[in-house]
Amino acid sequence: MSTDDSCFRVESMVTVDERGQMVLPKDVREKAGIFPGEKLVLVTWEKEGSVCCISLMKADELMGMVKKNLEPMLQQLTPGNKP
């Protein structure tokens, strides 16, 4: 049995204004720990040449995942490190 408590859910509905902007609801920002000025990464999934899903994640979280996955490779490529 998995101990992973993650899940996907519809949190709210937002409207895109004429300038392409939208507001993340306060309760979602608070739950996610998103503060003014924080950088978010917009991730899209395409299906049959059209974007079907859009997701936001904190830029720091993405950088941490990239570092975690690339760091072992970079260490192997560094002169003096044995694979």
C-alpha atoms as a PDB file:
ATOM      1  CA  MET A   1       0.000   0.000   0.000  1.00  0.00           C
ATOM      2  CA  SER A   2       1.287   3.461  -0.905  1.00  0.00           C
ATOM      3  CA  THR A   3       1.979   6.075   1.750  1.00  0.00           C
ATOM      4  CA  ASP A   4       1.808   8.853  -0.857  1.00  0.00           C
ATOM      5  CA  ASP A   5      -1.031  11.214   0.089  1.00  0.00           C
ATOM      6  CA  SER A   6      -0.850  13.237  -3.132  1.00  0.00           C
ATOM      7  CA  CYS A   7      -3.954  13.716  -5.244  1.00  0.00           C
ATOM      8  CA  PHE A   8      -5.340  15.864  -8.003  1.00  0.00           C
ATOM      9  CA  ARG A   9      -8.448  17.943  -7.499  1.00  0.00           C
ATOM     10  CA  VAL A  10     -10.271  20.873  -9.033  1.00  0.00           C
ATOM     11  CA  GLU A  11      -9.535  23.699  -6.593  1.00  0.00           C
ATOM     12  CA  SER A  12     -11.339  26.542  -8.315  1.00  0.00           C
ATOM     13  CA  MET A  13     -12.240  28.090 -11.634  1.00  0.00           C
ATOM     14  CA  VAL A  14     -10.447  31.213 -12.841  1.00  0.00           C
ATOM     15  CA  THR A  15     -11.218  33.615 -15.670  1.00  0.00           C
ATOM     16  CA  VAL A  16      -8.629  34.992 -18.064  1.00  0.00           C
ATOM     17  CA  ASP A  17      -9.123  38.708 -18.691  1.00  0.00           C
ATOM     18  CA  GLU A  18      -8.574  40.597 -21.946  1.00  0.00           C
ATOM     19  CA  ARG A  19      -4.863  41.054 -21.108  1.00  0.00           C
ATOM     20  CA  GLY A  20      -4.397  37.315 -20.536  1.00  0.00           C
ATOM     21  CA  GLN A  21      -4.171  37.659 -16.759  1.00  0.00           C
ATOM     22  CA  MET A  22      -5.895  35.603 -14.105  1.00  0.00           C
ATOM     23  CA  VAL A  23      -6.012  35.649 -10.318  1.00  0.00           C
ATOM     24  CA  LEU A  24      -5.049  32.652  -8.211  1.00  0.00           C
ATOM     25  CA  PRO A  25      -7.610  32.486  -5.401  1.00  0.00           C
ATOM     26  CA  LYS A  26      -6.314  33.498  -1.972  1.00  0.00           C
ATOM     27  CA  ASP A  27      -7.087  30.138  -0.352  1.00  0.00           C
ATOM     28  CA  VAL A  28      -5.109  28.302  -3.059  1.00  0.00           C
ATOM     29  CA  ARG A  29      -2.168  30.725  -2.709  1.00  0.00           C
ATOM     30  CA  GLU A  30      -2.183  30.259   1.060  1.00  0.00           C
ATOM     31  CA  LYS A  31      -2.411  26.467   0.861  1.00  0.00           C
ATOM     32  CA  ALA A  32       0.423  26.391  -1.704  1.00  0.00           C
ATOM     33  CA  GLY A  33       2.547  28.936   0.172  1.00  0.00           C
ATOM     34  CA  ILE A  34       2.676  31.281  -2.827  1.00  0.00           C
ATOM     35  CA  PHE A  35       3.661  34.846  -1.944  1.00  0.00           C
ATOM     36  CA  PRO A  36       3.735  38.102  -3.981  1.00  0.00           C
ATOM     37  CA  GLY A  37       6.726  38.192  -6.329  1.00  0.00           C
ATOM     38  CA  GLU A  38       7.278  34.422  -6.198  1.00  0.00           C
ATOM     39  CA  LYS A  39       8.212  32.822  -9.527  1.00  0.00           C
ATOM     40  CA  LEU A  40       5.978  30.081 -10.905  1.00  0.00           C
ATOM     41  CA  VAL A  41       6.696  27.787 -13.846  1.00  0.00           C
ATOM     42  CA  LEU A  42       3.906  27.115 -16.325  1.00  0.00           C
ATOM     43  CA  VAL A  43       3.999  23.522 -17.612  1.00  0.00           C
ATOM     44  CA  THR A  44       1.866  22.374 -20.543  1.00  0.00           C
ATOM     45  CA  TRP A  45       0.946  18.991 -21.960  1.00  0.00           C
ATOM     46  CA  GLU A  46       0.059  18.615 -25.608  1.00  0.00           C
ATOM     47  CA  LYS A  47      -2.232  16.097 -27.212  1.00  0.00           C
ATOM     48  CA  GLU A  48      -2.656  15.880 -30.963  1.00  0.00           C
ATOM     49  CA  GLY A  49      -0.838  19.198 -31.441  1.00  0.00           C
ATOM     50  CA  SER A  50      -2.967  21.190 -28.993  1.00  0.00           C
ATOM     51  CA  VAL A  51      -2.360  22.093 -25.345  1.00  0.00           C
ATOM     52  CA  CYS A  52      -4.790  20.078 -23.248  1.00  0.00           C
ATOM     53  CA  CYS A  53      -3.466  20.647 -19.717  1.00  0.00           C
ATOM     54  CA  ILE A  54      -1.778  23.556 -17.969  1.00  0.00           C
ATOM     55  CA  SER A  55      -0.127  23.285 -14.569  1.00  0.00           C
ATOM     56  CA  LEU A  56       1.746  25.707 -12.318  1.00  0.00           C
ATOM     57  CA  MET A  57       4.582  24.838  -9.961  1.00  0.00           C
ATOM     58  CA  LYS A  58       6.995  26.856  -7.877  1.00  0.00           C
ATOM     59  CA  ALA A  59      10.209  27.635  -9.754  1.00  0.00           C
ATOM     60  CA  ASP A  60      12.271  26.677  -6.674  1.00  0.00           C
ATOM     61  CA  GLU A  61      10.585  23.250  -6.584  1.00  0.00           C
ATOM     62  CA  LEU A  62      11.402  22.640 -10.250  1.00  0.00           C
ATOM     63  CA  MET A  63      15.003  23.735  -9.765  1.00  0.00           C
ATOM     64  CA  GLY A  64      15.312  21.344  -6.815  1.00  0.00           C
ATOM     65  CA  MET A  65      14.012  18.433  -8.915  1.00  0.00           C
ATOM     66  CA  VAL A  66      16.354  19.271 -11.791  1.00  0.00           C
ATOM     67  CA  LYS A  67      19.331  19.555  -9.447  1.00  0.00           C
ATOM     68  CA  LYS A  68      18.473  16.264  -7.722  1.00  0.00           C
ATOM     69  CA  ASN A  69      18.319  14.445 -11.070  1.00  0.00           C
ATOM     70  CA  LEU A  70      21.272  16.101 -12.798  1.00  0.00           C
ATOM     71  CA  GLU A  71      23.718  16.353  -9.900  1.00  0.00           C
ATOM     72  CA  PRO A  72      24.724  12.645  -9.959  1.00  0.00           C
ATOM     73  CA  MET A  73      25.410  12.873 -13.708  1.00  0.00           C
ATOM     74  CA  LEU A  74      27.422  16.046 -13.337  1.00  0.00           C
ATOM     75  CA  GLN A  75      29.511  14.481 -10.568  1.00  0.00           C
ATOM     76  CA  GLN A  76      30.350  11.571 -12.872  1.00  0.00           C
ATOM     77  CA  LEU A  77      31.434  13.998 -15.596  1.00  0.00           C
ATOM     78  CA  THR A  78      33.632  16.041 -13.260  1.00  0.00           C
ATOM     79  CA  PRO A  79      37.341  15.252 -13.712  1.00  0.00           C
ATOM     80  CA  GLY A  80      38.711  13.249 -10.787  1.00  0.00           C
ATOM     81  CA  ASN A  81      35.397  11.548  -9.979  1.00  0.00           C
ATOM     82  CA  LYS A  82      35.202   7.862 -10.779  1.00  0.00           C
ATOM     83  CA  PRO A  83      31.933   6.512 -12.170  1.00  0.00           C
END
